[in-house]
Amino acid sequence: MNSLFDSDSASNVAEYSVSELSGSIRRTIEQNFEHVRVRGEISGYRGPHSSGHAYFALKDDRARIEAVIWKSTFQRLKFRPEEGMEVIAIGNVTTFPGSSKYQIVIESLEPAGAGALMALIEERKRKLAAEGLFDAARKRPLPFMPKVIGVVTSPTGAVIRDILHRIADRFPVHVVVWPVRVQGDGACEEIVAAIQGFNALETGGAIARPDVLIVARGGGSLEDLWCFNDEAIVRAAAASTIPLISAVGHETDWTLIDYAADQRAPTPTGAAEMAVPVKADLEAQVASLAARLKGAATRQMDNRRQTLRSLARALPSLDQLLALPRRRFDEAAAGLGRGLTMNTANKRRSFERIAAHLRPDLIRTRISDRRRHLMEAMNRADRCVERQLDRRQSRVAAADASLRAFPSRLVGQIHRAEDRVAGLRARADAAMAAELRRLKGALAAQDRVLQSLSYRNVLQRGFALVRDAAGEPVKQAAAVQPGMPLSLEFADGRVAATAGEGGTPPQAPKKRPPRTAEPTKQGSLF
């Protein structure tokens, strides 16, 4: 019975088509929100569409509403909207039946100041610029022809396909993709880890270390690109040792990573064009240079060949070069026999002339002269030896006399040295005794000062030193808790004790009466 009743009730409800329901909702919203005044921050503004209309959104920290300015209204505006600007919009709220969304049709727009996000970006930009992260001096040039390119982007978007396609068209190289999220929770941490991970790769490792990095993302609103304004990503890009290209959003989109990167590309495709040259252009340039080199080498060879021919014509022929040596050889060969005959005759005449002077009596005379000269030399040698022996004997006698007198001189020197040492010993003993007396007096004075300042003298007068369990002195009664172990040090030893429950609270120190008489002067401690 209940199910039958429910079925009958449902069948009595009026039936609407989708168009009728959407139209009814639209009329209801337009009647209740026909003229509203909204304050919010412009988000996702990309300028007027090709049709002349402007589409963007108004947002605050908790909500977001789509907005549109028709072409006729946009032309009457006194100022042009800008991304992140906080404005006051006047218009009516309506719906878009095609997608079941509501939006505000703006009729008037007034600036209300810079948006909170843009103000935060400007503040962060000034802070990082003051640290020098945006300085042009620290930016590194991109390599002309990288072997490996590292790409940090989403693996599922159209950006990575555009980059790979553009690199393959221009100059195919090895591309290493580090997949990350480019929007939403955890995107900042993944991008920072990707940049640092690429920099941590070693050259020649299992994964090739890139020569250049590309951090890319497609276009979007300020909120979509917000993670690229994060301070951690900016610092990671600035600290990268690999040259880095920032390709975030479209040409009008600027994020803080664009200032810290070594190069900023207007689009991800532009980043691929910056990273690699055009292979066809390089091949054409190489071919042109090769043709020029071949032509230059051909011309150089022709010039050298022409110079060689000119020099060859200036050289004499082989017969001209050998004519004079050949004539000299013939003349020498013709005079050789005659010269040998004349030389033999000359040698014979010389031999006969020398042989005429060789007689026995001349030889005997020369031998007698040589014998006489030898005897005279022997006599002179004997006399020299005798004189040398006499001189050596005289030197030995003088040395013997000197050695005999040496012990007496040595004894005298020893006695004088002993007297001098005895005098120095006596002076040293006297100086040492005086220094010991001085040091003993100073030590005694210091001991008297130490005894006068020692707390043990106070213990001798009946006082006791209270220590806690750690052995530290207890200076105030407030520091003692009931049941606390204590150590009492007297003049003759220590006694263990335990703090009790009773006791009087510490009293304020009594004021001393003013002194009337002159204080007694303290005497010398020494």
Protein backbone atom coordinates (compact mmCIF):
# COMPACT_ATOMS: atom_id res chain seq x y z
CA MET A 1 0.00 0.00 0.00
CA ASN A 2 2.86 2.43 0.87
CA SER A 3 4.76 1.78 -2.34
CA LEU A 4 1.56 2.34 -4.36
CA PHE A 5 0.96 5.65 -2.58
CA ASP A 6 4.56 6.80 -3.22
CA SER A 7 4.32 5.92 -6.89
CA ASP A 8 1.10 7.87 -7.29
CA SER A 9 2.63 10.91 -5.53
CA ALA A 10 5.71 10.90 -7.78
CA SER A 11 3.60 10.68 -10.89
CA ASN A 12 1.62 13.80 -9.85
CA VAL A 13 4.81 16.03 -9.79
CA ALA A 14 4.99 18.41 -12.76
CA GLU A 15 7.41 17.37 -15.45
CA TYR A 16 9.93 19.90 -16.89
CA SER A 17 12.31 19.62 -19.76
CA VAL A 18 15.95 20.54 -19.21
CA SER A 19 15.50 23.77 -21.14
CA GLU A 20 12.40 24.71 -19.13
CA LEU A 21 14.17 24.00 -15.82
CA SER A 22 17.26 25.98 -16.87
CA GLY A 23 15.08 28.87 -18.02
CA SER A 24 13.14 28.86 -14.76
CA ILE A 25 16.37 28.92 -12.73
CA ARG A 26 17.67 31.74 -14.89
CA ARG A 27 14.55 33.86 -14.43
CA THR A 28 14.63 33.25 -10.67
CA ILE A 29 18.27 34.34 -10.37
CA GLU A 30 17.84 37.36 -12.63
CA GLN A 31 14.77 38.55 -10.70
CA ASN A 32 16.49 38.26 -7.29
CA PHE A 33 19.92 39.54 -8.39
CA GLU A 34 18.95 42.00 -11.09
CA HIS A 35 21.31 44.74 -9.90
CA VAL A 36 24.22 43.84 -7.58
CA ARG A 37 27.47 45.48 -6.54
CA VAL A 38 30.35 43.00 -6.05
CA ARG A 39 33.89 43.56 -4.77
CA GLY A 40 36.54 41.03 -5.74
CA GLU A 41 39.88 40.33 -7.35
CA ILE A 42 40.20 39.78 -11.10
CA SER A 43 41.48 36.32 -11.92
CA GLY A 44 42.16 34.59 -15.24
CA TYR A 45 42.04 37.81 -17.29
CA ARG A 46 43.62 37.43 -20.74
CA GLY A 47 42.35 40.56 -22.42
CA PRO A 48 39.36 40.85 -24.73
CA HIS A 49 38.43 37.83 -26.84
CA SER A 50 38.58 37.95 -30.63
CA SER A 51 34.86 38.70 -30.49
CA GLY A 52 35.53 41.77 -28.33
CA HIS A 53 34.02 40.29 -25.15
CA ALA A 54 36.13 39.84 -22.00
CA TYR A 55 35.82 36.68 -19.90
CA PHE A 56 37.40 36.29 -16.45
CA ALA A 57 36.42 35.66 -12.83
CA LEU A 58 35.99 37.62 -9.61
CA LYS A 59 37.19 35.98 -6.43
CA ASP A 60 38.02 36.49 -2.79
CA ASP A 61 39.64 34.19 -0.26
CA ARG A 62 36.60 31.82 -0.07
CA ALA A 63 34.61 31.95 -3.32
CA ARG A 64 34.81 32.60 -7.04
CA ILE A 65 32.26 33.75 -9.64
CA GLU A 66 32.61 33.89 -13.40
CA ALA A 67 32.25 37.31 -15.02
CA VAL A 68 31.79 38.67 -18.53
CA ILE A 69 31.95 42.13 -20.06
CA TRP A 70 30.22 42.43 -23.40
CA LYS A 71 31.95 44.24 -26.25
CA SER A 72 29.70 47.29 -26.13
CA THR A 73 30.26 47.72 -22.39
CA PHE A 74 34.03 47.01 -22.63
CA GLN A 75 34.46 49.89 -25.09
CA ARG A 76 32.83 52.32 -22.64
CA LEU A 77 35.06 51.40 -19.66
CA LYS A 78 37.27 54.20 -18.35
CA PHE A 79 40.12 51.77 -17.55
CA ARG A 80 41.18 48.36 -18.72
CA PRO A 81 41.05 45.42 -16.28
CA GLU A 82 44.32 43.79 -15.21
CA GLU A 83 45.14 40.43 -13.66
CA GLY A 84 45.08 40.53 -9.85
CA MET A 85 43.41 43.95 -9.64
CA GLU A 86 40.78 44.34 -6.97
CA VAL A 87 37.69 45.96 -8.47
CA ILE A 88 34.06 46.85 -7.69
CA ALA A 89 31.74 45.49 -10.36
CA ILE A 90 28.10 46.50 -10.91
CA GLY A 91 25.85 44.26 -12.99
CA ASN A 92 23.27 41.50 -12.95
CA VAL A 93 23.64 37.81 -12.19
CA THR A 94 22.46 35.35 -14.81
CA THR A 95 23.04 31.75 -15.83
CA PHE A 96 24.55 30.12 -18.87
CA PRO A 97 22.22 27.25 -19.76
CA GLY A 98 24.78 25.54 -21.98
CA SER A 99 26.91 24.54 -18.98
CA SER A 100 24.58 25.17 -16.01
CA LYS A 101 26.85 27.87 -14.62
CA TYR A 102 25.98 31.27 -13.23
CA GLN A 103 27.90 34.44 -13.96
CA ILE A 104 27.75 38.17 -13.47
CA VAL A 105 27.30 40.38 -16.53
CA ILE A 106 29.26 43.50 -15.63
CA GLU A 107 27.85 46.86 -16.67
CA SER A 108 30.26 49.10 -14.71
CA LEU A 109 33.75 48.48 -13.31
CA GLU A 110 35.74 50.54 -10.84
CA PRO A 111 39.23 49.86 -9.44
CA ALA A 112 39.39 49.11 -5.70
CA GLY A 113 43.14 48.64 -5.29
CA ALA A 114 45.65 45.87 -5.94
CA GLY A 115 44.54 42.31 -5.21
CA ALA A 116 45.84 40.36 -2.24
CA LEU A 117 47.64 37.81 -4.42
CA MET A 118 49.37 40.43 -6.55
CA ALA A 119 50.41 42.32 -3.42
CA LEU A 120 51.84 39.09 -1.99
CA ILE A 121 53.72 38.43 -5.24
CA GLU A 122 55.16 41.95 -5.28
CA GLU A 123 56.28 41.67 -1.65
CA ARG A 124 57.91 38.28 -2.30
CA LYS A 125 59.52 39.63 -5.48
CA ARG A 126 61.11 42.55 -3.61
CA LYS A 127 62.40 40.20 -0.89
CA LEU A 128 64.02 37.74 -3.31
CA ALA A 129 65.39 40.54 -5.49
CA ALA A 130 67.06 42.07 -2.41
CA GLU A 131 68.83 38.72 -1.86
CA GLY A 132 70.25 38.88 -5.38
CA LEU A 133 68.37 35.88 -6.79
CA PHE A 134 67.23 37.90 -9.83
CA ASP A 135 70.60 39.50 -10.65
CA ALA A 136 71.60 39.25 -14.29
CA ALA A 137 75.25 38.63 -13.32
CA ARG A 138 74.47 35.20 -11.83
CA LYS A 139 72.53 33.94 -14.88
CA ARG A 140 74.36 31.34 -16.98
CA PRO A 141 74.33 31.16 -20.80
CA LEU A 142 72.52 28.26 -22.42
CA PRO A 143 74.67 25.61 -24.16
CA PHE A 144 74.65 25.98 -27.94
CA MET A 145 74.17 22.29 -28.72
CA PRO A 146 73.05 20.27 -25.66
CA LYS A 147 73.28 16.48 -25.73
CA VAL A 148 70.61 15.88 -23.03
CA ILE A 149 67.61 18.08 -22.13
CA GLY A 150 65.75 17.69 -18.84
CA VAL A 151 62.03 18.65 -18.80
CA VAL A 152 60.06 19.23 -15.59
CA THR A 153 56.33 19.22 -16.42
CA SER A 154 53.16 17.17 -16.31
CA PRO A 155 53.44 13.92 -18.31
CA THR A 156 49.79 13.99 -19.40
CA GLY A 157 49.34 17.51 -20.75
CA ALA A 158 49.86 18.91 -24.22
CA VAL A 159 52.97 20.80 -23.06
CA ILE A 160 55.30 17.80 -23.08
CA ARG A 161 54.04 16.72 -26.50
CA ASP A 162 54.63 20.20 -27.92
CA ILE A 163 58.17 20.27 -26.48
CA LEU A 164 59.06 16.79 -27.75
CA HIS A 165 57.57 17.50 -31.17
CA ARG A 166 59.42 20.82 -31.49
CA ILE A 167 62.75 19.33 -30.39
CA ALA A 168 62.31 16.40 -32.81
CA ASP A 169 61.64 18.84 -35.67
CA ARG A 170 64.55 21.16 -34.92
CA PHE A 171 67.36 18.97 -33.51
CA PRO A 172 66.59 15.49 -32.14
CA VAL A 173 68.42 14.98 -28.83
CA HIS A 174 67.94 12.80 -25.77
CA VAL A 175 65.14 14.18 -23.55
CA VAL A 176 64.70 13.13 -19.90
CA VAL A 177 61.24 13.94 -18.47
CA TRP A 178 60.70 14.28 -14.71
CA PRO A 179 56.90 13.96 -14.28
CA VAL A 180 55.40 16.34 -11.72
CA ARG A 181 52.11 17.92 -10.86
CA VAL A 182 51.97 21.55 -12.00
CA GLN A 183 48.86 22.53 -10.03
CA GLY A 184 47.27 21.64 -6.71
CA ASP A 185 48.55 20.17 -3.47
CA GLY A 186 52.11 18.83 -3.53
CA ALA A 187 52.96 20.48 -6.87
CA CYS A 188 55.57 22.84 -5.33
CA GLU A 189 57.38 20.03 -3.52
CA GLU A 190 57.48 17.85 -6.64
CA ILE A 191 58.87 20.66 -8.83
CA VAL A 192 61.57 21.51 -6.25
CA ALA A 193 62.49 17.81 -5.95
CA ALA A 194 62.70 17.53 -9.75
CA ILE A 195 65.05 20.51 -10.13
CA GLN A 196 67.26 19.32 -7.27
CA GLY A 197 67.15 15.73 -8.54
CA PHE A 198 68.39 16.72 -11.99
CA ASN A 199 71.24 18.72 -10.41
CA ALA A 200 72.16 15.74 -8.20
CA LEU A 201 72.71 13.43 -11.20
CA GLU A 202 76.34 12.57 -11.88
CA THR A 203 77.98 12.83 -15.27
CA GLY A 204 78.31 9.39 -16.83
CA GLY A 205 75.77 7.80 -14.46
CA ALA A 206 72.92 5.44 -15.24
CA ILE A 207 70.66 8.43 -16.00
CA ALA A 208 72.26 11.03 -18.24
CA ARG A 209 72.80 14.42 -16.58
CA PRO A 210 71.01 17.15 -18.59
CA ASP A 211 72.89 20.04 -20.14
CA VAL A 212 69.85 22.33 -19.85
CA LEU A 213 66.55 22.20 -17.90
CA ILE A 214 63.08 23.30 -19.01
CA VAL A 215 60.39 23.95 -16.38
CA ALA A 216 57.14 24.17 -18.35
CA ARG A 217 53.41 24.50 -17.86
CA GLY A 218 50.49 25.58 -20.06
CA GLY A 219 48.48 28.73 -19.60
CA GLY A 220 46.01 29.29 -16.79
CA SER A 221 44.70 31.72 -14.24
CA LEU A 222 46.78 33.30 -11.51
CA GLU A 223 45.61 30.59 -9.13
CA ASP A 224 46.56 27.84 -11.58
CA LEU A 225 50.09 29.26 -11.89
CA TRP A 226 50.42 30.13 -8.21
CA CYS A 227 52.83 27.31 -7.30
CA PHE A 228 55.42 28.82 -9.65
CA ASN A 229 55.43 31.91 -7.40
CA ASP A 230 56.42 29.76 -4.41
CA GLU A 231 59.65 30.83 -2.69
CA ALA A 232 61.02 27.26 -2.57
CA ILE A 233 60.71 26.86 -6.36
CA VAL A 234 62.35 30.24 -6.97
CA ARG A 235 65.27 29.37 -4.71
CA ALA A 236 65.67 25.94 -6.33
CA ALA A 237 65.75 27.54 -9.79
CA ALA A 238 68.31 30.12 -8.67
CA ALA A 239 70.50 27.44 -7.03
CA SER A 240 70.45 25.15 -10.09
CA THR A 241 73.93 24.55 -11.51
CA ILE A 242 72.34 23.45 -14.80
CA PRO A 243 71.11 26.35 -17.00
CA LEU A 244 67.34 26.58 -16.58
CA ILE A 245 64.63 27.85 -18.97
CA SER A 246 61.29 28.93 -17.51
CA ALA A 247 58.30 28.32 -19.80
CA VAL A 248 55.26 28.85 -17.57
CA GLY A 249 51.98 29.98 -19.08
CA HIS A 250 51.55 32.19 -22.11
CA GLU A 251 53.56 35.22 -23.15
CA THR A 252 51.58 37.57 -20.90
CA ASP A 253 51.95 35.32 -17.84
CA TRP A 254 54.81 36.27 -15.51
CA THR A 255 55.72 34.28 -12.41
CA LEU A 256 58.62 34.63 -9.97
CA ILE A 257 60.44 31.62 -11.44
CA ASP A 258 60.75 33.62 -14.69
CA TYR A 259 62.95 36.15 -12.88
CA ALA A 260 65.17 33.50 -11.24
CA ALA A 261 65.59 31.34 -14.38
CA ASP A 262 68.56 31.83 -16.69
CA GLN A 263 66.18 32.33 -19.63
CA ARG A 264 62.44 32.95 -19.86
CA ALA A 265 60.48 31.54 -22.78
CA PRO A 266 57.07 33.00 -23.74
CA THR A 267 55.64 29.50 -24.32
CA PRO A 268 56.78 25.88 -23.83
CA THR A 269 57.30 25.64 -27.59
CA GLY A 270 59.51 28.72 -27.42
CA ALA A 271 61.54 27.02 -24.68
CA ALA A 272 62.21 24.06 -26.98
CA GLU A 273 63.33 26.49 -29.70
CA MET A 274 65.69 28.21 -27.22
CA ALA A 275 67.17 24.91 -26.02
CA VAL A 276 68.27 23.48 -29.40
CA PRO A 277 69.28 24.99 -32.74
CA VAL A 278 67.74 24.04 -36.09
CA LYS A 279 69.54 20.96 -37.40
CA ALA A 280 68.71 21.79 -41.01
CA ASP A 281 70.19 25.27 -40.63
CA LEU A 282 73.32 23.82 -39.04
CA GLU A 283 73.63 21.26 -41.82
CA ALA A 284 73.19 23.99 -44.42
CA GLN A 285 75.77 26.14 -42.66
CA VAL A 286 78.20 23.22 -42.41
CA ALA A 287 77.64 22.41 -46.09
CA SER A 288 78.23 26.06 -47.00
CA LEU A 289 81.41 26.16 -44.91
CA ALA A 290 82.57 22.85 -46.43
CA ALA A 291 81.99 24.19 -49.94
CA ARG A 292 83.88 27.37 -49.07
CA LEU A 293 86.70 25.29 -47.55
CA LYS A 294 86.87 23.05 -50.62
CA GLY A 295 86.91 26.08 -52.93
CA ALA A 296 89.59 27.77 -50.83
CA ALA A 297 91.72 24.59 -50.87
CA THR A 298 91.29 24.25 -54.65
CA ARG A 299 92.29 27.86 -55.21
CA GLN A 300 95.25 27.47 -52.87
CA MET A 301 96.44 24.35 -54.74
CA ASP A 302 96.10 26.15 -58.08
CA ASN A 303 98.12 29.08 -56.78
CA ARG A 304 100.83 26.77 -55.38
CA ARG A 305 100.91 24.77 -58.65
CA GLN A 306 101.30 27.98 -60.69
CA THR A 307 104.08 29.21 -58.38
CA LEU A 308 105.88 25.84 -58.68
CA ARG A 309 105.70 25.99 -62.44
CA SER A 310 107.15 29.51 -62.44
CA LEU A 311 110.01 28.44 -60.18
CA ALA A 312 110.66 25.32 -62.30
CA ARG A 313 111.08 27.45 -65.41
CA ALA A 314 113.73 29.53 -63.64
CA LEU A 315 115.86 26.46 -62.68
CA PRO A 316 118.78 25.39 -65.01
CA SER A 317 118.68 22.04 -66.83
CA LEU A 318 120.49 18.88 -65.67
CA ASP A 319 123.15 19.11 -68.40
CA GLN A 320 123.91 22.70 -67.43
CA LEU A 321 124.33 21.74 -63.80
CA LEU A 322 126.67 18.77 -64.56
CA ALA A 323 128.76 20.41 -67.30
CA LEU A 324 131.37 22.05 -65.07
CA PRO A 325 131.80 19.09 -62.65
CA ARG A 326 132.08 16.70 -65.58
CA ARG A 327 134.84 18.83 -67.18
CA ARG A 328 136.77 18.98 -63.88
CA PHE A 329 136.49 15.21 -63.53
CA ASP A 330 137.86 14.63 -67.05
CA GLU A 331 140.80 16.94 -66.45
CA ALA A 332 141.62 15.26 -63.12
CA ALA A 333 141.45 11.79 -64.70
CA ALA A 334 143.77 12.85 -67.50
CA GLY A 335 146.45 14.23 -65.10
CA LEU A 336 146.28 11.35 -62.57
CA GLY A 337 148.94 9.07 -64.20
CA ARG A 338 151.38 11.89 -64.75
CA GLY A 339 150.96 13.09 -61.16
CA LEU A 340 151.67 9.61 -59.73
CA THR A 341 154.93 9.36 -61.72
CA MET A 342 156.14 12.79 -60.62
CA ASN A 343 155.21 12.10 -56.97
CA THR A 344 157.20 8.84 -56.97
CA ALA A 345 160.30 10.63 -58.38
CA ASN A 346 160.05 13.35 -55.74
CA LYS A 347 159.83 10.83 -52.90
CA ARG A 348 162.90 8.96 -54.20
CA ARG A 349 165.03 12.14 -54.31
CA SER A 350 164.00 13.05 -50.77
CA PHE A 351 164.94 9.60 -49.47
CA GLU A 352 168.36 9.71 -51.12
CA ARG A 353 169.08 13.15 -49.63
CA ILE A 354 168.24 12.00 -46.08
CA ALA A 355 170.17 8.71 -46.45
CA ALA A 356 173.34 10.68 -47.35
CA HIS A 357 173.34 12.22 -43.83
CA LEU A 358 173.04 8.87 -41.93
CA ARG A 359 176.70 7.89 -40.90
CA PRO A 360 177.90 5.71 -37.90
CA ASP A 361 180.17 8.40 -36.41
CA LEU A 362 177.26 10.86 -36.18
CA ILE A 363 175.18 8.28 -34.29
CA ARG A 364 178.00 7.53 -31.78
CA THR A 365 178.51 11.27 -31.10
CA ARG A 366 174.79 11.77 -30.40
CA ILE A 367 174.77 8.77 -28.02
CA SER A 368 177.77 10.19 -26.03
CA ASP A 369 176.00 13.55 -25.67
CA ARG A 370 172.85 11.88 -24.40
CA ARG A 371 174.83 9.81 -21.85
CA ARG A 372 176.62 12.93 -20.50
CA HIS A 373 173.35 14.81 -20.07
CA LEU A 374 171.89 11.82 -18.19
CA MET A 375 174.81 11.70 -15.69
CA GLU A 376 174.52 15.40 -14.95
CA ALA A 377 170.79 15.03 -14.26
CA MET A 378 171.46 12.13 -11.85
CA ASN A 379 174.00 14.21 -9.90
CA ARG A 380 171.55 17.11 -9.58
CA ALA A 381 168.85 14.74 -8.31
CA ASP A 382 171.14 13.35 -5.58
CA ARG A 383 171.98 16.85 -4.32
CA CYS A 384 168.25 17.80 -4.23
CA VAL A 385 167.40 14.69 -2.16
CA GLU A 386 170.12 15.54 0.37
CA ARG A 387 168.85 19.10 0.78
CA GLN A 388 165.26 17.86 1.28
CA LEU A 389 166.43 15.40 3.99
CA ASP A 390 168.26 18.20 5.85
CA ARG A 391 165.15 20.44 5.86
CA ARG A 392 162.87 17.65 7.07
CA GLN A 393 165.27 16.77 9.92
CA SER A 394 165.29 20.42 11.07
CA ARG A 395 161.45 20.52 11.11
CA VAL A 396 161.25 17.27 13.12
CA ALA A 397 163.71 18.64 15.74
CA ALA A 398 161.71 21.88 16.13
CA ALA A 399 158.44 19.92 16.51
CA ASP A 400 160.02 17.67 19.13
CA ALA A 401 161.11 20.65 21.23
CA SER A 402 157.65 22.19 20.98
CA LEU A 403 155.98 18.94 22.09
CA ARG A 404 158.29 18.64 25.08
CA ALA A 405 157.24 22.15 26.29
CA PHE A 406 153.46 21.64 25.63
CA PRO A 407 152.48 19.78 28.87
CA SER A 408 153.65 22.60 31.12
CA ARG A 409 151.54 25.17 29.16
CA LEU A 410 148.51 22.83 29.20
CA VAL A 411 148.69 22.43 33.01
CA GLY A 412 148.72 26.20 33.50
CA GLN A 413 145.63 26.66 31.27
CA ILE A 414 143.78 23.91 33.22
CA HIS A 415 144.52 25.64 36.56
CA ARG A 416 143.25 28.99 35.24
CA ALA A 417 140.02 27.36 33.92
CA GLU A 418 139.40 25.64 37.29
CA ASP A 419 139.73 28.98 39.13
CA ARG A 420 137.25 30.62 36.74
CA VAL A 421 134.71 27.78 37.09
CA ALA A 422 134.95 27.94 40.90
CA GLY A 423 134.18 31.69 40.84
CA LEU A 424 131.16 31.19 38.53
CA ARG A 425 129.87 28.36 40.76
CA ALA A 426 130.00 30.60 43.84
CA ARG A 427 128.13 33.41 42.03
CA ALA A 428 125.46 30.98 40.79
CA ASP A 429 124.92 29.55 44.30
CA ALA A 430 124.48 33.02 45.75
CA ALA A 431 122.00 34.06 42.99
CA MET A 432 119.99 30.88 43.39
CA ALA A 433 119.74 31.29 47.14
CA ALA A 434 118.56 34.90 46.77
CA GLU A 435 115.88 33.86 44.20
CA LEU A 436 114.67 31.04 46.49
CA ARG A 437 114.33 33.48 49.40
CA ARG A 438 112.32 35.88 47.20
CA LEU A 439 109.98 33.12 45.92
CA LYS A 440 109.44 31.76 49.47
CA GLY A 441 108.45 35.21 50.67
CA ALA A 442 105.98 35.71 47.77
CA LEU A 443 104.51 32.24 48.37
CA ALA A 444 104.04 32.93 52.05
CA ALA A 445 102.28 36.23 51.25
CA GLN A 446 99.92 34.54 48.77
CA ASP A 447 99.16 31.81 51.33
CA ARG A 448 98.23 34.43 53.93
CA VAL A 449 95.86 36.11 51.41
CA LEU A 450 94.33 32.74 50.54
CA GLN A 451 93.79 31.82 54.21
CA SER A 452 92.18 35.19 54.89
CA LEU A 453 89.71 34.73 52.00
CA SER A 454 88.90 31.01 52.63
CA TYR A 455 85.40 30.10 53.79
CA ARG A 456 86.91 27.56 56.23
CA ASN A 457 87.84 30.46 58.54
CA VAL A 458 84.13 31.25 58.69
CA LEU A 459 83.37 27.61 59.58
CA GLN A 460 85.86 27.87 62.46
CA ARG A 461 83.64 30.56 63.99
CA GLY A 462 80.63 28.19 64.29
CA PHE A 463 78.97 28.54 60.90
CA ALA A 464 78.04 25.64 58.57
CA LEU A 465 77.89 25.37 54.74
CA VAL A 466 74.71 23.76 53.36
CA ARG A 467 74.97 21.79 50.11
CA ASP A 468 72.32 20.00 48.02
CA ALA A 469 72.50 16.42 46.68
CA ALA A 470 74.57 17.64 43.72
CA GLY A 471 77.15 19.22 46.02
CA GLU A 472 76.16 22.80 45.10
CA PRO A 473 75.88 25.40 47.92
CA VAL A 474 72.30 26.31 48.95
CA LYS A 475 72.16 30.11 49.20
CA GLN A 476 68.46 30.69 50.02
CA ALA A 477 65.91 28.97 52.27
CA ALA A 478 63.34 29.08 49.46
CA ALA A 479 65.45 26.63 47.49
CA VAL A 480 65.04 23.91 50.20
CA GLN A 481 62.04 21.57 49.75
CA PRO A 482 60.70 19.26 52.50
CA GLY A 483 62.42 15.86 52.42
CA MET A 484 65.30 17.22 50.37
CA PRO A 485 68.65 15.54 51.19
CA LEU A 486 71.25 18.02 52.38
CA SER A 487 74.92 17.99 53.43
CA LEU A 488 76.14 20.21 56.28
CA GLU A 489 79.82 21.01 56.26
CA PHE A 490 81.38 22.05 59.60
CA ALA A 491 84.92 22.98 60.35
CA ASP A 492 85.84 19.41 61.28
CA GLY A 493 83.79 17.44 58.65
CA ARG A 494 80.43 16.89 56.89
CA VAL A 495 77.08 15.59 58.21
CA ALA A 496 74.16 14.31 56.06
CA ALA A 497 70.69 15.74 56.84
CA THR A 498 67.12 15.82 55.49
CA ALA A 499 64.96 18.96 55.29
CA GLY A 500 61.88 18.83 57.55
CA GLU A 501 58.32 20.14 57.10
CA GLY A 502 58.55 22.94 59.64
CA GLY A 503 60.60 26.07 59.62
CA THR A 504 60.12 29.78 59.45
CA PRO A 505 59.82 31.56 56.10
CA PRO A 506 62.77 33.61 55.06
CA GLN A 507 62.70 37.11 56.46
CA ALA A 508 63.76 40.22 54.74
CA PRO A 509 67.20 41.35 55.74
CA LYS A 510 67.20 43.94 58.46
CA LYS A 511 68.33 47.38 57.57
CA ARG A 512 71.56 48.38 59.19
CA PRO A 513 71.53 51.57 61.22
CA PRO A 514 73.48 54.39 59.69
CA ARG A 515 77.02 54.66 60.82
CA THR A 516 77.84 57.65 62.92
CA ALA A 517 81.46 57.09 63.63
CA GLU A 518 84.15 56.98 61.06
CA PRO A 519 84.92 53.42 59.88
CA THR A 520 88.15 51.99 61.00
CA LYS A 521 90.74 51.74 58.34
CA GLN A 522 91.71 48.25 57.26
CA GLY A 523 95.31 47.40 57.81
CA SER A 524 97.60 45.71 55.37
CA LEU A 525 96.97 42.00 54.84
CA PHE A 526 100.69 41.40 54.64
